[in-house]
N, C-alpha and C. Protein backbone atom coordinates (compact mmCIF):
# COMPACT_ATOMS: atom_id res chain seq x y z
N MET A 1 98.47 103.33 83.64
CA MET A 1 99.35 104.43 83.32
C MET A 1 100.65 103.87 82.76
N GLN A 2 100.99 104.31 81.61
CA GLN A 2 102.24 103.84 81.01
C GLN A 2 103.32 104.90 81.17
N THR A 3 104.42 104.47 81.77
CA THR A 3 105.58 105.34 81.91
C THR A 3 106.60 104.92 80.87
N GLY A 4 107.68 105.68 80.78
CA GLY A 4 108.74 105.31 79.84
C GLY A 4 109.28 103.92 80.13
N ALA A 5 109.41 103.59 81.43
CA ALA A 5 109.94 102.27 81.81
C ALA A 5 108.97 101.16 81.41
N SER A 6 107.67 101.38 81.61
CA SER A 6 106.71 100.31 81.26
C SER A 6 106.64 100.12 79.75
N VAL A 7 106.74 101.19 78.99
CA VAL A 7 106.76 101.07 77.52
C VAL A 7 107.99 100.29 77.08
N THR A 8 109.12 100.56 77.71
CA THR A 8 110.36 99.85 77.37
C THR A 8 110.21 98.36 77.67
N ILE A 9 109.67 98.03 78.81
CA ILE A 9 109.47 96.62 79.19
C ILE A 9 108.54 95.93 78.19
N ILE A 10 107.46 96.60 77.83
CA ILE A 10 106.52 96.02 76.87
C ILE A 10 107.22 95.75 75.54
N LYS A 11 108.00 96.70 75.07
CA LYS A 11 108.71 96.53 73.80
C LYS A 11 109.72 95.38 73.90
N MET A 12 110.39 95.27 75.03
CA MET A 12 111.36 94.19 75.22
C MET A 12 110.66 92.84 75.17
N ILE A 13 109.53 92.74 75.84
CA ILE A 13 108.78 91.47 75.84
C ILE A 13 108.25 91.15 74.45
N GLU A 14 107.73 92.18 73.77
CA GLU A 14 107.18 91.96 72.43
C GLU A 14 108.26 91.54 71.43
N SER A 15 109.51 91.85 71.72
CA SER A 15 110.59 91.47 70.79
C SER A 15 110.96 90.00 70.91
N LEU A 16 110.44 89.33 71.91
CA LEU A 16 110.73 87.90 72.11
C LEU A 16 109.77 87.03 71.31
N PRO A 17 110.17 85.81 71.00
CA PRO A 17 109.22 84.86 70.39
C PRO A 17 108.07 84.61 71.37
N GLU A 18 106.88 84.30 70.84
CA GLU A 18 105.69 84.18 71.69
C GLU A 18 105.84 83.25 72.89
N PRO A 19 106.40 82.05 72.74
CA PRO A 19 106.53 81.19 73.93
C PRO A 19 107.39 81.85 75.02
N MET A 20 108.40 82.59 74.59
CA MET A 20 109.26 83.27 75.55
C MET A 20 108.54 84.47 76.17
N GLN A 21 107.64 85.08 75.42
CA GLN A 21 106.85 86.18 75.96
C GLN A 21 106.03 85.69 77.16
N GLU A 22 105.43 84.53 77.00
CA GLU A 22 104.63 83.96 78.10
C GLU A 22 105.49 83.71 79.32
N ARG A 23 106.67 83.16 79.11
CA ARG A 23 107.58 82.89 80.24
C ARG A 23 107.99 84.19 80.91
N ALA A 24 108.30 85.20 80.10
CA ALA A 24 108.72 86.49 80.65
C ALA A 24 107.58 87.11 81.46
N LEU A 25 106.37 87.01 80.94
CA LEU A 25 105.22 87.56 81.66
C LEU A 25 104.97 86.81 82.97
N GLU A 26 105.12 85.50 82.95
CA GLU A 26 104.96 84.73 84.18
C GLU A 26 105.99 85.16 85.23
N HIS A 27 107.22 85.34 84.80
CA HIS A 27 108.27 85.79 85.73
C HIS A 27 107.96 87.19 86.26
N MET A 28 107.49 88.06 85.37
CA MET A 28 107.17 89.43 85.77
C MET A 28 106.01 89.43 86.77
N GLN A 29 105.02 88.59 86.54
CA GLN A 29 103.89 88.51 87.47
C GLN A 29 104.36 88.05 88.84
N GLN A 30 105.21 87.05 88.89
CA GLN A 30 105.73 86.55 90.16
C GLN A 30 106.54 87.64 90.86
N TYR A 31 107.35 88.34 90.09
CA TYR A 31 108.17 89.41 90.65
C TYR A 31 107.28 90.51 91.25
N LEU A 32 106.23 90.88 90.54
CA LEU A 32 105.32 91.91 91.04
C LEU A 32 104.58 91.45 92.30
N GLU A 33 104.21 90.17 92.35
CA GLU A 33 103.57 89.63 93.55
C GLU A 33 104.53 89.69 94.74
N ASP A 34 105.79 89.39 94.49
CA ASP A 34 106.81 89.47 95.54
C ASP A 34 106.95 90.90 96.06
N ILE A 35 106.95 91.85 95.15
CA ILE A 35 107.05 93.26 95.55
C ILE A 35 105.84 93.66 96.39
N ARG A 36 104.65 93.24 95.97
CA ARG A 36 103.44 93.56 96.75
C ARG A 36 103.51 92.95 98.15
N ASP A 37 103.99 91.72 98.24
CA ASP A 37 104.15 91.07 99.55
C ASP A 37 105.13 91.85 100.43
N GLU A 38 106.24 92.29 99.84
CA GLU A 38 107.22 93.07 100.60
C GLU A 38 106.62 94.37 101.09
N LEU A 39 105.81 95.03 100.26
CA LEU A 39 105.17 96.27 100.67
C LEU A 39 104.19 96.04 101.82
N LYS A 40 103.42 94.96 101.73
CA LYS A 40 102.48 94.63 102.82
C LYS A 40 103.24 94.36 104.11
N TRP A 41 104.34 93.60 104.01
CA TRP A 41 105.14 93.27 105.18
C TRP A 41 105.72 94.54 105.80
N SER A 42 106.28 95.41 104.98
CA SER A 42 106.85 96.66 105.48
C SER A 42 105.79 97.52 106.16
N ASP A 43 104.62 97.58 105.57
CA ASP A 43 103.52 98.34 106.15
C ASP A 43 103.10 97.74 107.49
N SER A 44 103.01 96.43 107.54
CA SER A 44 102.61 95.75 108.77
C SER A 44 103.62 95.98 109.88
N ILE A 45 104.90 95.87 109.56
CA ILE A 45 105.96 96.10 110.54
C ILE A 45 105.91 97.55 111.02
N GLY A 46 105.72 98.46 110.11
CA GLY A 46 105.66 99.88 110.46
C GLY A 46 104.54 100.18 111.44
N LYS A 47 103.40 99.52 111.25
CA LYS A 47 102.25 99.76 112.12
C LYS A 47 102.41 99.10 113.48
N SER A 48 103.21 98.04 113.57
CA SER A 48 103.32 97.31 114.83
C SER A 48 104.65 97.56 115.54
N GLN A 49 105.48 98.45 115.01
CA GLN A 49 106.81 98.65 115.57
C GLN A 49 106.75 99.11 117.02
N SER A 50 105.84 100.01 117.36
CA SER A 50 105.77 100.48 118.74
C SER A 50 105.37 99.35 119.68
N LYS A 51 104.51 98.45 119.23
CA LYS A 51 104.12 97.30 120.06
C LYS A 51 105.30 96.34 120.25
N LEU A 52 106.08 96.15 119.20
CA LEU A 52 107.25 95.29 119.31
C LEU A 52 108.29 95.87 120.28
N ILE A 53 108.46 97.18 120.22
CA ILE A 53 109.40 97.84 121.14
C ILE A 53 108.92 97.69 122.57
N ALA A 54 107.63 97.89 122.79
CA ALA A 54 107.07 97.75 124.14
C ALA A 54 107.23 96.32 124.65
N ALA A 55 106.99 95.34 123.80
CA ALA A 55 107.14 93.93 124.21
C ALA A 55 108.60 93.62 124.54
N ALA A 56 109.53 94.16 123.76
CA ALA A 56 110.95 93.93 124.03
C ALA A 56 111.36 94.57 125.35
N ARG A 57 110.86 95.75 125.63
CA ARG A 57 111.17 96.42 126.91
C ARG A 57 110.62 95.61 128.08
N GLN A 58 109.40 95.12 127.92
CA GLN A 58 108.79 94.33 128.98
C GLN A 58 109.58 93.05 129.21
N ALA A 59 109.99 92.40 128.14
CA ALA A 59 110.77 91.17 128.26
C ALA A 59 112.10 91.45 128.97
N ARG A 60 112.76 92.52 128.59
CA ARG A 60 114.03 92.87 129.21
C ARG A 60 113.84 93.15 130.70
N GLU A 61 112.75 93.84 131.04
CA GLU A 61 112.46 94.13 132.45
C GLU A 61 112.20 92.85 133.24
N GLU A 62 111.44 91.93 132.64
CA GLU A 62 111.15 90.66 133.31
C GLU A 62 112.43 89.84 133.52
N ILE A 63 113.33 89.90 132.54
CA ILE A 63 114.61 89.19 132.67
C ILE A 63 115.40 89.79 133.82
N MET A 64 115.46 91.10 133.89
CA MET A 64 116.22 91.78 134.94
C MET A 64 115.62 91.50 136.33
N GLN A 65 114.31 91.30 136.39
CA GLN A 65 113.65 91.04 137.67
C GLN A 65 113.66 89.55 138.02
N GLY A 66 114.22 88.74 137.14
CA GLY A 66 114.27 87.30 137.39
C GLY A 66 112.95 86.58 137.17
N LYS A 67 112.03 87.21 136.50
CA LYS A 67 110.71 86.61 136.25
C LYS A 67 110.70 85.73 134.99
N ALA A 68 111.69 85.88 134.15
CA ALA A 68 111.73 85.14 132.89
C ALA A 68 112.43 83.80 133.08
N THR A 69 112.02 82.83 132.29
CA THR A 69 112.67 81.52 132.32
C THR A 69 113.17 81.20 130.91
N PRO A 70 114.26 80.46 130.82
CA PRO A 70 114.78 80.11 129.49
C PRO A 70 113.76 79.28 128.70
N LEU A 71 113.76 79.47 127.41
CA LEU A 71 112.86 78.71 126.52
C LEU A 71 113.34 77.28 126.43
N ASP A 72 112.43 76.36 126.68
CA ASP A 72 112.76 74.93 126.57
C ASP A 72 112.17 74.42 125.26
N MET A 73 113.04 74.13 124.31
CA MET A 73 112.60 73.70 122.98
C MET A 73 111.81 72.38 123.03
N GLU A 74 112.05 71.58 124.04
CA GLU A 74 111.34 70.31 124.17
C GLU A 74 109.87 70.52 124.51
N GLU A 75 109.55 71.65 125.15
CA GLU A 75 108.16 71.94 125.54
C GLU A 75 107.33 72.47 124.39
N LEU A 76 107.98 72.88 123.32
CA LEU A 76 107.24 73.42 122.18
C LEU A 76 106.61 72.31 121.46
């Protein structure tokens, strides 16, 4: 589907010399991959947010009950 914005981008790229067109397309592909990754991450966080909240509540409760111990970086 071509929108006004996509037509404009295509025209801008076509106005460049061919070697620069390839570079522009490579950058655009990387940018689009980054956007897709961000969308996946946002979706993943959205689906697991209630679990993260529950885990944080449990951790806070364990700390208040004295059941938690400080993280020892040497043990990792």
